[in-house]
Amino acid sequence: MSLRLKLTFLAISFAVWFPLTSLSTAKADALSIVYTSTQNQTATVGSTFTAVIFTGYVINNTNAPISFQLTGGPEPFEPYVASFIDGIGYPGITLGGGQSTGVIDLAIINLQPFDSSLVYPGMVNLVLDAILIDPATGRVGGTITENNASIKVQAVVPEPSKPSLLAIGLLLICIIGILHSSHRRNADANFSEPRSWS
């Protein structure tokens, strides 16, 4: 076999086998983020901050331990959001092979109080990533897994104040009283007129 043929064979073998072995290595670091709450939620904002909580767990789908943290937030930035708190922040945790975190708050999003300058209803799209952490150095690495969630933000329909409801109620009572008294006078007047029998 010539040298040229051997080099071609090696190049083709490398081109075919290297991606396959890389895929199996990448798959060995797989985590899954599983929601136990609704992944697409609706929140109604009022005069105070509104918390939206996404619950679930993270599971290690491999036989090897994985050290990671959760990170993410609104994508793109949304004026509806006051703060974003991820459920497993820095310095992260290590899950052994096949282990799960148990149900935790994956993310807590605090929405701004009602703001008349914003359009309601609005949408907040969230990205939640699990990224590698080197437990020895604390350095963060690439994204292991990522998923999306969303919040439909709606505003409270303002209710009338108690004094305005009381005023409307009194006004209606007065109108009903006037109409009733007018109707009664007309009925009395019609009853007291003598009828002619012709």
N, C-alpha and C. Protein backbone atom coordinates (compact mmCIF):
# COMPACT_ATOMS: atom_id res chain seq x y z
N MET A 1 0.85 -1.16 0.00
CA MET A 1 0.00 0.00 0.00
C MET A 1 0.91 1.24 0.00
N SER A 2 0.59 2.19 -0.86
CA SER A 2 1.44 3.39 -0.98
C SER A 2 1.20 4.32 0.20
N LEU A 3 2.15 5.19 0.42
CA LEU A 3 2.06 6.17 1.52
C LEU A 3 0.87 7.09 1.31
N ARG A 4 0.64 7.47 0.09
CA ARG A 4 -0.48 8.37 -0.21
C ARG A 4 -1.81 7.67 0.14
N LEU A 5 -1.97 6.43 -0.20
CA LEU A 5 -3.18 5.68 0.10
C LEU A 5 -3.37 5.50 1.60
N LYS A 6 -2.26 5.26 2.32
CA LYS A 6 -2.32 5.12 3.78
C LYS A 6 -2.76 6.44 4.43
N LEU A 7 -2.21 7.55 3.98
CA LEU A 7 -2.58 8.86 4.53
C LEU A 7 -4.05 9.18 4.25
N THR A 8 -4.51 8.86 3.06
CA THR A 8 -5.92 9.08 2.73
C THR A 8 -6.81 8.23 3.63
N PHE A 9 -6.46 6.97 3.83
CA PHE A 9 -7.23 6.09 4.69
C PHE A 9 -7.27 6.63 6.12
N LEU A 10 -6.12 7.09 6.64
CA LEU A 10 -6.07 7.67 7.99
C LEU A 10 -6.93 8.93 8.08
N ALA A 11 -6.87 9.77 7.08
CA ALA A 11 -7.65 11.01 7.09
C ALA A 11 -9.15 10.72 7.10
N ILE A 12 -9.58 9.77 6.27
CA ILE A 12 -11.00 9.40 6.23
C ILE A 12 -11.41 8.76 7.55
N SER A 13 -10.59 7.89 8.09
CA SER A 13 -10.90 7.26 9.39
C SER A 13 -11.02 8.29 10.48
N PHE A 14 -10.09 9.24 10.51
CA PHE A 14 -10.12 10.30 11.51
C PHE A 14 -11.38 11.15 11.35
N ALA A 15 -11.73 11.48 10.10
CA ALA A 15 -12.90 12.31 9.83
C ALA A 15 -14.20 11.61 10.24
N VAL A 16 -14.25 10.31 10.15
CA VAL A 16 -15.46 9.57 10.51
C VAL A 16 -15.50 9.25 12.00
N TRP A 17 -14.42 8.74 12.57
CA TRP A 17 -14.41 8.27 13.96
C TRP A 17 -14.30 9.38 14.99
N PHE A 18 -13.61 10.47 14.71
CA PHE A 18 -13.45 11.53 15.70
C PHE A 18 -14.78 12.16 16.09
N PRO A 19 -15.65 12.53 15.11
CA PRO A 19 -16.96 13.08 15.53
C PRO A 19 -17.78 12.08 16.33
N LEU A 20 -17.71 10.81 16.00
CA LEU A 20 -18.49 9.82 16.75
C LEU A 20 -18.01 9.70 18.19
N THR A 21 -16.70 9.70 18.39
CA THR A 21 -16.19 9.63 19.77
C THR A 21 -16.44 10.92 20.51
N SER A 22 -16.44 12.06 19.83
CA SER A 22 -16.75 13.33 20.47
C SER A 22 -18.19 13.36 20.94
N LEU A 23 -19.09 12.81 20.11
CA LEU A 23 -20.50 12.79 20.50
C LEU A 23 -20.70 11.97 21.76
N SER A 24 -20.04 10.84 21.85
CA SER A 24 -20.24 10.01 23.04
C SER A 24 -19.64 10.70 24.27
N THR A 25 -18.57 11.46 24.10
CA THR A 25 -17.99 12.20 25.22
C THR A 25 -18.92 13.32 25.66
N ALA A 26 -19.48 14.05 24.70
CA ALA A 26 -20.40 15.15 25.03
C ALA A 26 -21.64 14.60 25.72
N LYS A 27 -22.12 13.46 25.26
CA LYS A 27 -23.31 12.87 25.86
C LYS A 27 -23.04 12.44 27.30
N ALA A 28 -21.79 12.14 27.64
CA ALA A 28 -21.45 11.69 28.99
C ALA A 28 -21.64 12.80 30.02
N ASP A 29 -21.69 14.06 29.59
CA ASP A 29 -21.86 15.18 30.52
C ASP A 29 -23.28 15.73 30.51
N ALA A 30 -24.27 14.94 30.13
CA ALA A 30 -25.64 15.43 29.95
C ALA A 30 -26.37 15.60 31.27
N LEU A 31 -26.96 16.78 31.44
CA LEU A 31 -27.90 17.06 32.52
C LEU A 31 -29.25 17.36 31.90
N SER A 32 -30.30 17.14 32.64
CA SER A 32 -31.64 17.54 32.20
C SER A 32 -32.25 18.44 33.26
N ILE A 33 -32.86 19.54 32.81
CA ILE A 33 -33.63 20.42 33.68
C ILE A 33 -35.09 20.06 33.45
N VAL A 34 -35.76 19.60 34.51
CA VAL A 34 -37.14 19.12 34.39
C VAL A 34 -38.03 20.02 35.26
N TYR A 35 -39.07 20.58 34.66
CA TYR A 35 -39.99 21.46 35.39
C TYR A 35 -41.10 20.65 36.03
N THR A 36 -41.42 20.98 37.30
CA THR A 36 -42.61 20.43 37.94
C THR A 36 -43.71 21.48 37.95
N SER A 37 -43.35 22.74 37.76
CA SER A 37 -44.34 23.81 37.59
C SER A 37 -44.57 23.99 36.09
N THR A 38 -45.52 24.80 35.75
CA THR A 38 -45.76 25.10 34.35
C THR A 38 -44.59 25.88 33.79
N GLN A 39 -44.11 25.48 32.63
CA GLN A 39 -42.96 26.14 32.02
C GLN A 39 -43.36 27.47 31.40
N ASN A 40 -44.62 27.64 31.06
CA ASN A 40 -45.14 28.90 30.52
C ASN A 40 -46.23 29.38 31.47
N GLN A 41 -45.90 30.42 32.25
CA GLN A 41 -46.80 30.88 33.29
C GLN A 41 -47.42 32.23 32.94
N THR A 42 -48.49 32.58 33.66
CA THR A 42 -49.13 33.88 33.54
C THR A 42 -49.10 34.53 34.91
N ALA A 43 -48.73 35.81 34.94
CA ALA A 43 -48.67 36.54 36.21
C ALA A 43 -49.40 37.86 36.06
N THR A 44 -50.11 38.23 37.11
CA THR A 44 -50.83 39.50 37.13
C THR A 44 -50.10 40.45 38.07
N VAL A 45 -49.70 41.60 37.53
CA VAL A 45 -48.99 42.58 38.35
C VAL A 45 -49.96 43.62 38.88
N GLY A 46 -49.63 44.11 40.06
CA GLY A 46 -50.45 45.13 40.71
C GLY A 46 -49.56 46.25 41.21
N SER A 47 -49.83 46.71 42.42
CA SER A 47 -49.10 47.85 42.97
C SER A 47 -47.80 47.45 43.67
N THR A 48 -47.53 46.14 43.81
CA THR A 48 -46.29 45.69 44.44
C THR A 48 -45.58 44.71 43.51
N PHE A 49 -44.36 44.31 43.89
CA PHE A 49 -43.61 43.34 43.11
C PHE A 49 -44.36 41.99 43.11
N THR A 50 -44.27 41.28 42.01
CA THR A 50 -44.92 39.97 41.87
C THR A 50 -43.86 38.91 41.61
N ALA A 51 -43.82 37.87 42.44
CA ALA A 51 -42.85 36.79 42.27
C ALA A 51 -43.46 35.67 41.44
N VAL A 52 -42.67 35.20 40.47
CA VAL A 52 -43.05 34.04 39.66
C VAL A 52 -41.97 32.99 39.89
N ILE A 53 -42.39 31.80 40.32
CA ILE A 53 -41.43 30.77 40.70
C ILE A 53 -41.57 29.57 39.76
N PHE A 54 -40.44 29.17 39.19
CA PHE A 54 -40.38 27.97 38.37
C PHE A 54 -39.72 26.89 39.21
N THR A 55 -40.44 25.80 39.46
CA THR A 55 -39.90 24.71 40.27
C THR A 55 -39.61 23.50 39.38
N GLY A 56 -38.71 22.66 39.87
CA GLY A 56 -38.35 21.46 39.14
C GLY A 56 -37.10 20.86 39.73
N TYR A 57 -36.40 20.07 38.94
CA TYR A 57 -35.18 19.43 39.41
C TYR A 57 -34.21 19.26 38.27
N VAL A 58 -32.95 19.03 38.63
CA VAL A 58 -31.90 18.77 37.65
C VAL A 58 -31.44 17.35 37.89
N ILE A 59 -31.30 16.60 36.80
CA ILE A 59 -30.88 15.20 36.91
C ILE A 59 -29.64 14.98 36.06
N ASN A 60 -28.70 14.21 36.63
CA ASN A 60 -27.48 13.82 35.91
C ASN A 60 -27.80 12.53 35.17
N ASN A 61 -27.75 12.60 33.84
CA ASN A 61 -28.10 11.44 33.01
C ASN A 61 -26.90 10.52 32.74
N THR A 62 -25.79 10.76 33.41
CA THR A 62 -24.58 9.98 33.14
C THR A 62 -24.21 9.15 34.36
N ASN A 63 -23.11 8.44 34.25
CA ASN A 63 -22.57 7.68 35.38
C ASN A 63 -21.46 8.44 36.09
N ALA A 64 -21.08 9.60 35.57
CA ALA A 64 -19.97 10.39 36.13
C ALA A 64 -20.51 11.61 36.86
N PRO A 65 -19.81 12.07 37.91
CA PRO A 65 -20.25 13.28 38.59
C PRO A 65 -20.08 14.50 37.68
N ILE A 66 -20.99 15.48 37.84
CA ILE A 66 -20.94 16.72 37.08
C ILE A 66 -21.11 17.88 38.05
N SER A 67 -20.19 18.84 37.99
CA SER A 67 -20.29 20.07 38.80
C SER A 67 -20.82 21.17 37.90
N PHE A 68 -21.85 21.88 38.38
CA PHE A 68 -22.51 22.88 37.54
C PHE A 68 -23.21 23.92 38.38
N GLN A 69 -23.65 24.97 37.73
CA GLN A 69 -24.53 25.97 38.32
C GLN A 69 -25.59 26.30 37.29
N LEU A 70 -26.71 26.87 37.76
CA LEU A 70 -27.74 27.35 36.85
C LEU A 70 -27.52 28.85 36.65
N THR A 71 -27.74 29.29 35.45
CA THR A 71 -27.62 30.71 35.13
C THR A 71 -28.63 31.03 34.05
N GLY A 72 -28.81 32.26 33.75
CA GLY A 72 -29.75 32.65 32.69
C GLY A 72 -30.46 33.93 33.03
N GLY A 73 -31.64 34.08 32.49
CA GLY A 73 -32.44 35.27 32.72
C GLY A 73 -33.28 35.61 31.51
N PRO A 74 -33.88 36.81 31.53
CA PRO A 74 -34.72 37.22 30.41
C PRO A 74 -33.90 37.40 29.14
N GLU A 75 -34.41 36.90 28.04
CA GLU A 75 -33.77 37.07 26.73
C GLU A 75 -34.80 37.59 25.76
N PRO A 76 -34.70 38.76 25.25
CA PRO A 76 -33.78 39.83 25.61
C PRO A 76 -34.21 40.46 26.93
N PHE A 77 -33.47 41.48 27.36
CA PHE A 77 -33.81 42.18 28.60
C PHE A 77 -35.25 42.68 28.51
N GLU A 78 -36.00 42.52 29.59
CA GLU A 78 -37.39 42.96 29.62
C GLU A 78 -37.61 43.96 30.74
N PRO A 79 -38.27 45.09 30.47
CA PRO A 79 -38.53 46.08 31.53
C PRO A 79 -39.52 45.60 32.58
N TYR A 80 -40.24 44.51 32.30
CA TYR A 80 -41.18 43.96 33.28
C TYR A 80 -40.44 43.32 34.46
N VAL A 81 -39.18 42.91 34.26
CA VAL A 81 -38.44 42.12 35.25
C VAL A 81 -37.63 43.03 36.17
N ALA A 82 -37.84 42.86 37.48
CA ALA A 82 -37.07 43.60 38.48
C ALA A 82 -35.82 42.81 38.87
N SER A 83 -35.95 41.48 39.00
CA SER A 83 -34.79 40.66 39.37
C SER A 83 -35.00 39.22 38.93
N PHE A 84 -33.87 38.53 38.76
CA PHE A 84 -33.86 37.12 38.39
C PHE A 84 -32.92 36.41 39.34
N ILE A 85 -33.41 35.36 39.99
CA ILE A 85 -32.58 34.59 40.93
C ILE A 85 -32.60 33.14 40.47
N ASP A 86 -31.40 32.61 40.14
CA ASP A 86 -31.36 31.21 39.72
C ASP A 86 -31.28 30.31 40.94
N GLY A 87 -31.75 29.08 40.77
CA GLY A 87 -31.88 28.15 41.89
C GLY A 87 -30.59 27.53 42.37
N ILE A 88 -29.58 27.45 41.51
CA ILE A 88 -28.27 26.90 41.92
C ILE A 88 -27.22 27.87 41.40
N GLY A 89 -26.88 28.82 42.24
CA GLY A 89 -25.92 29.85 41.84
C GLY A 89 -24.48 29.41 42.09
N TYR A 90 -23.57 30.34 41.88
CA TYR A 90 -22.15 30.08 42.11
C TYR A 90 -21.93 29.82 43.59
N PRO A 91 -21.19 28.89 44.04
CA PRO A 91 -20.20 28.08 43.37
C PRO A 91 -20.75 26.78 42.79
N GLY A 92 -22.06 26.63 42.73
CA GLY A 92 -22.64 25.45 42.11
C GLY A 92 -22.68 24.24 43.02
N ILE A 93 -23.05 23.11 42.43
CA ILE A 93 -23.11 21.84 43.15
C ILE A 93 -22.54 20.74 42.26
N THR A 94 -22.27 19.60 42.86
CA THR A 94 -21.85 18.43 42.11
C THR A 94 -22.89 17.34 42.30
N LEU A 95 -23.40 16.83 41.17
CA LEU A 95 -24.34 15.71 41.21
C LEU A 95 -23.60 14.46 40.77
N GLY A 96 -23.70 13.41 41.56
CA GLY A 96 -23.12 12.13 41.18
C GLY A 96 -23.89 11.53 40.01
N GLY A 97 -23.30 10.55 39.38
CA GLY A 97 -23.94 9.89 38.24
C GLY A 97 -25.33 9.38 38.59
N GLY A 98 -26.32 9.73 37.79
CA GLY A 98 -27.69 9.29 37.99
C GLY A 98 -28.44 10.01 39.10
N GLN A 99 -27.80 10.95 39.78
CA GLN A 99 -28.45 11.65 40.89
C GLN A 99 -29.31 12.81 40.40
N SER A 100 -30.21 13.24 41.30
CA SER A 100 -31.10 14.36 41.03
C SER A 100 -31.05 15.34 42.20
N THR A 101 -31.37 16.57 41.95
CA THR A 101 -31.38 17.56 43.03
C THR A 101 -32.58 17.44 43.93
N GLY A 102 -33.63 16.76 43.51
CA GLY A 102 -34.91 16.85 44.20
C GLY A 102 -35.57 18.14 43.73
N VAL A 103 -36.82 18.35 44.07
CA VAL A 103 -37.55 19.53 43.60
C VAL A 103 -37.04 20.77 44.31
N ILE A 104 -36.64 21.76 43.52
CA ILE A 104 -36.11 23.03 44.02
C ILE A 104 -36.74 24.17 43.23
N ASP A 105 -36.51 25.40 43.69
CA ASP A 105 -36.86 26.57 42.90
C ASP A 105 -35.77 26.73 41.85
N LEU A 106 -36.07 26.43 40.59
CA LEU A 106 -35.09 26.55 39.52
C LEU A 106 -34.78 28.02 39.25
N ALA A 107 -35.82 28.85 39.29
CA ALA A 107 -35.65 30.28 39.05
C ALA A 107 -36.79 31.03 39.72
N ILE A 108 -36.46 32.21 40.25
CA ILE A 108 -37.46 33.11 40.82
C ILE A 108 -37.32 34.44 40.09
N ILE A 109 -38.41 34.89 39.49
CA ILE A 109 -38.41 36.14 38.76
C ILE A 109 -39.34 37.09 39.49
N ASN A 110 -38.81 38.25 39.87
CA ASN A 110 -39.64 39.29 40.48
C ASN A 110 -40.00 40.29 39.40
N LEU A 111 -41.30 40.46 39.20
CA LEU A 111 -41.79 41.40 38.19
C LEU A 111 -42.02 42.76 38.82
N GLN A 112 -41.78 43.80 38.03
CA GLN A 112 -41.99 45.18 38.48
C GLN A 112 -43.47 45.39 38.81
N PRO A 113 -43.76 46.34 39.72
CA PRO A 113 -45.16 46.72 39.92
C PRO A 113 -45.72 47.31 38.62
N PHE A 114 -47.04 47.43 38.55
CA PHE A 114 -47.69 47.97 37.36
C PHE A 114 -47.05 49.29 36.97
N ASP A 115 -46.78 49.44 35.69
CA ASP A 115 -46.17 50.65 35.15
C ASP A 115 -46.98 51.06 33.93
N SER A 116 -47.62 52.22 33.99
CA SER A 116 -48.50 52.65 32.90
C SER A 116 -47.74 52.90 31.60
N SER A 117 -46.42 53.02 31.67
CA SER A 117 -45.65 53.24 30.43
C SER A 117 -45.40 51.93 29.67
N LEU A 118 -45.70 50.79 30.29
CA LEU A 118 -45.50 49.50 29.63
C LEU A 118 -46.81 49.02 28.99
N VAL A 119 -46.68 48.18 27.98
CA VAL A 119 -47.84 47.62 27.29
C VAL A 119 -48.21 46.30 27.96
N TYR A 120 -49.48 46.14 28.31
CA TYR A 120 -49.97 44.90 28.91
C TYR A 120 -51.03 44.32 28.00
N PRO A 121 -51.13 43.03 27.82
CA PRO A 121 -50.22 42.02 28.35
C PRO A 121 -48.89 42.05 27.61
N GLY A 122 -47.86 41.59 28.31
CA GLY A 122 -46.52 41.51 27.74
C GLY A 122 -45.95 40.12 27.94
N MET A 123 -44.84 39.84 27.29
CA MET A 123 -44.20 38.52 27.40
C MET A 123 -42.77 38.67 27.90
N VAL A 124 -42.38 37.77 28.79
CA VAL A 124 -41.00 37.67 29.25
C VAL A 124 -40.53 36.28 28.86
N ASN A 125 -39.52 36.21 28.00
CA ASN A 125 -38.94 34.93 27.61
C ASN A 125 -37.68 34.71 28.43
N LEU A 126 -37.57 33.54 29.03
CA LEU A 126 -36.45 33.21 29.91
C LEU A 126 -35.62 32.08 29.34
N VAL A 127 -34.32 32.16 29.56
CA VAL A 127 -33.42 31.08 29.21
C VAL A 127 -32.78 30.61 30.51
N LEU A 128 -32.80 29.32 30.76
CA LEU A 128 -32.18 28.75 31.95
C LEU A 128 -31.11 27.77 31.48
N ASP A 129 -29.85 28.07 31.83
CA ASP A 129 -28.71 27.26 31.41
C ASP A 129 -28.10 26.55 32.61
N ALA A 130 -27.59 25.35 32.37
CA ALA A 130 -26.71 24.67 33.34
C ALA A 130 -25.31 24.74 32.73
N ILE A 131 -24.37 25.35 33.46
CA ILE A 131 -23.02 25.48 32.94
C ILE A 131 -22.04 24.76 33.85
N LEU A 132 -20.98 24.24 33.23
CA LEU A 132 -19.96 23.50 33.98
C LEU A 132 -19.19 24.40 34.93
N ILE A 133 -18.79 23.84 36.06
CA ILE A 133 -17.91 24.52 37.01
C ILE A 133 -16.80 23.54 37.39
N ASP A 134 -15.58 24.04 37.39
CA ASP A 134 -14.45 23.24 37.86
C ASP A 134 -14.42 23.39 39.38
N PRO A 135 -14.72 22.33 40.14
CA PRO A 135 -14.79 22.46 41.60
C PRO A 135 -13.45 22.84 42.24
N ALA A 136 -12.35 22.54 41.59
CA ALA A 136 -11.04 22.85 42.16
C ALA A 136 -10.70 24.34 42.01
N THR A 137 -11.03 24.92 40.85
CA THR A 137 -10.64 26.30 40.59
C THR A 137 -11.82 27.27 40.67
N GLY A 138 -13.03 26.76 40.54
CA GLY A 138 -14.20 27.64 40.53
C GLY A 138 -14.47 28.26 39.17
N ARG A 139 -13.67 27.91 38.18
CA ARG A 139 -13.87 28.48 36.85
C ARG A 139 -15.10 27.85 36.20
N VAL A 140 -15.82 28.69 35.46
CA VAL A 140 -17.00 28.19 34.77
C VAL A 140 -16.64 27.83 33.34
N GLY A 141 -17.37 26.85 32.82
CA GLY A 141 -17.12 26.37 31.46
C GLY A 141 -18.32 26.57 30.57
N GLY A 142 -18.47 25.69 29.62
CA GLY A 142 -19.52 25.80 28.62
C GLY A 142 -20.87 25.36 29.13
N THR A 143 -21.86 25.59 28.30
CA THR A 143 -23.24 25.23 28.61
C THR A 143 -23.44 23.72 28.43
N ILE A 144 -23.99 23.07 29.46
CA ILE A 144 -24.28 21.65 29.40
C ILE A 144 -25.66 21.45 28.79
N THR A 145 -26.62 22.19 29.29
CA THR A 145 -27.99 22.11 28.78
C THR A 145 -28.65 23.46 28.94
N GLU A 146 -29.68 23.68 28.16
CA GLU A 146 -30.38 24.96 28.17
C GLU A 146 -31.83 24.70 27.83
N ASN A 147 -32.72 25.46 28.46
CA ASN A 147 -34.11 25.38 28.05
C ASN A 147 -34.79 26.73 28.25
N ASN A 148 -35.99 26.85 27.75
CA ASN A 148 -36.70 28.12 27.76
C ASN A 148 -37.97 28.02 28.60
N ALA A 149 -38.36 29.15 29.13
CA ALA A 149 -39.63 29.28 29.84
C ALA A 149 -40.17 30.66 29.49
N SER A 150 -41.41 30.93 29.87
CA SER A 150 -41.96 32.25 29.57
C SER A 150 -42.98 32.64 30.63
N ILE A 151 -43.20 33.96 30.69
CA ILE A 151 -44.20 34.52 31.59
C ILE A 151 -45.04 35.51 30.78
N LYS A 152 -46.34 35.31 30.78
CA LYS A 152 -47.24 36.31 30.21
C LYS A 152 -47.58 37.27 31.33
N VAL A 153 -47.25 38.54 31.16
CA VAL A 153 -47.46 39.55 32.21
C VAL A 153 -48.72 40.33 31.87
N GLN A 154 -49.66 40.30 32.79
CA GLN A 154 -50.89 41.08 32.59
C GLN A 154 -51.11 41.99 33.78
N ALA A 155 -51.90 43.03 33.57
CA ALA A 155 -52.15 44.02 34.62
C ALA A 155 -53.51 43.78 35.24
N VAL A 156 -53.62 44.16 36.51
CA VAL A 156 -54.89 44.09 37.22
C VAL A 156 -55.80 45.16 36.63
N VAL A 157 -57.05 44.81 36.39
CA VAL A 157 -58.02 45.82 35.98
C VAL A 157 -58.37 46.59 37.24
N PRO A 158 -58.12 47.90 37.25
CA PRO A 158 -58.36 48.66 38.48
C PRO A 158 -59.83 48.67 38.87
N GLU A 159 -60.07 48.44 40.14
CA GLU A 159 -61.43 48.48 40.66
C GLU A 159 -61.72 49.88 41.15
N PRO A 160 -62.99 50.30 41.07
CA PRO A 160 -63.32 51.62 41.59
C PRO A 160 -63.13 51.66 43.11
N SER A 161 -62.85 52.84 43.62
CA SER A 161 -62.63 52.99 45.07
C SER A 161 -63.96 52.87 45.81
N LYS A 162 -63.87 52.61 47.11
CA LYS A 162 -65.08 52.46 47.93
C LYS A 162 -65.92 53.73 47.93
N PRO A 163 -65.32 54.93 48.08
CA PRO A 163 -66.15 56.15 48.06
C PRO A 163 -66.90 56.32 46.73
N SER A 164 -66.24 55.98 45.60
CA SER A 164 -66.94 56.14 44.32
C SER A 164 -68.06 55.12 44.19
N LEU A 165 -67.87 53.90 44.69
CA LEU A 165 -68.95 52.91 44.67
C LEU A 165 -70.12 53.36 45.54
N LEU A 166 -69.82 53.93 46.71
CA LEU A 166 -70.86 54.43 47.61
C LEU A 166 -71.62 55.58 46.96
N ALA A 167 -70.90 56.48 46.30
CA ALA A 167 -71.55 57.62 45.64
C ALA A 167 -72.46 57.14 44.52
N ILE A 168 -72.00 56.17 43.73
CA ILE A 168 -72.82 55.63 42.64
C ILE A 168 -74.06 54.94 43.21
N GLY A 169 -73.88 54.18 44.29
CA GLY A 169 -75.02 53.51 44.93
C GLY A 169 -76.05 54.50 45.43
N LEU A 170 -75.61 55.57 46.10
CA LEU A 170 -76.54 56.60 46.60
C LEU A 170 -77.25 57.30 45.45
N LEU A 171 -76.53 57.59 44.39
CA LEU A 171 -77.12 58.23 43.22
C LEU A 171 -78.21 57.34 42.61
N LEU A 172 -77.93 56.04 42.51
CA LEU A 172 -78.94 55.12 41.97
C LEU A 172 -80.16 55.04 42.88
N ILE A 173 -79.96 55.05 44.19
CA ILE A 173 -81.10 55.02 45.13
C ILE A 173 -81.95 56.28 44.95
N CYS A 174 -81.29 57.44 44.80
CA CYS A 174 -82.03 58.68 44.59
C CYS A 174 -82.82 58.65 43.29
N ILE A 175 -82.21 58.17 42.20
CA ILE A 175 -82.89 58.12 40.92
C ILE A 175 -84.08 57.17 40.99
N ILE A 176 -83.91 56.02 41.61
CA ILE A 176 -85.01 55.06 41.75
C ILE A 176 -86.13 55.67 42.59
N GLY A 177 -85.76 56.36 43.66
CA GLY A 177 -86.77 57.01 44.51
C GLY A 177 -87.55 58.08 43.76
N ILE A 178 -86.87 58.89 42.97
CA ILE A 178 -87.54 59.94 42.20
C ILE A 178 -88.47 59.32 41.17
N LEU A 179 -87.98 58.30 40.45
CA LEU A 179 -88.82 57.64 39.45
C LEU A 179 -90.04 56.98 40.10
N HIS A 180 -89.84 56.37 41.23
CA HIS A 180 -90.95 55.69 41.92
C HIS A 180 -91.99 56.72 42.38
N SER A 181 -91.52 57.81 42.96
CA SER A 181 -92.44 58.82 43.46
C SER A 181 -93.18 59.48 42.29
N SER A 182 -92.52 59.70 41.17
CA SER A 182 -93.16 60.29 39.99
C SER A 182 -94.21 59.33 39.43
N HIS A 183 -93.89 58.07 39.38
CA HIS A 183 -94.83 57.07 38.88
C HIS A 183 -96.05 56.98 39.80
N ARG A 184 -95.83 57.08 41.08
CA ARG A 184 -96.94 56.97 42.04
C ARG A 184 -97.87 58.18 41.92
N ARG A 185 -97.29 59.40 41.75
CA ARG A 185 -98.13 60.58 41.59
C ARG A 185 -98.99 60.46 40.34
N ASN A 186 -98.38 59.94 39.26
CA ASN A 186 -99.16 59.77 38.03
C ASN A 186 -100.27 58.75 38.23
N ALA A 187 -100.01 57.71 38.94
CA ALA A 187 -101.01 56.67 39.18
C ALA A 187 -102.14 57.22 40.05
N ASP A 188 -101.81 58.01 41.09
CA ASP A 188 -102.82 58.61 41.96
C ASP A 188 -103.67 59.61 41.18
N ALA A 189 -103.03 60.38 40.31
CA ALA A 189 -103.77 61.37 39.52
C ALA A 189 -104.74 60.67 38.58
N ASN A 190 -104.34 59.58 37.98
CA ASN A 190 -105.22 58.86 37.06
C ASN A 190 -106.37 58.19 37.81
N PHE A 191 -106.16 57.79 39.02
CA PHE A 191 -107.19 57.11 39.79
C PHE A 191 -108.23 58.09 40.31
N SER A 192 -107.81 59.33 40.66
CA SER A 192 -108.74 60.29 41.25
C SER A 192 -109.56 61.04 40.22
N GLU A 193 -109.23 60.99 38.94
CA GLU A 193 -110.04 61.68 37.94
C GLU A 193 -111.35 60.92 37.74
N PRO A 194 -112.47 61.70 37.73
CA PRO A 194 -113.76 61.04 37.51
C PRO A 194 -113.85 60.55 36.07
N ARG A 195 -114.38 59.43 35.91
CA ARG A 195 -114.55 58.87 34.57
C ARG A 195 -115.98 59.15 34.10
N SER A 196 -116.07 59.46 32.89
CA SER A 196 -117.41 59.67 32.32
C SER A 196 -117.87 58.38 31.64
N TRP A 197 -119.14 58.05 31.86
CA TRP A 197 -119.67 56.80 31.29
C TRP A 197 -120.59 57.16 30.14
N SER A 198 -120.11 57.37 29.08
CA SER A 198 -121.02 57.74 28.01
C SER A 198 -121.24 56.63 27.04
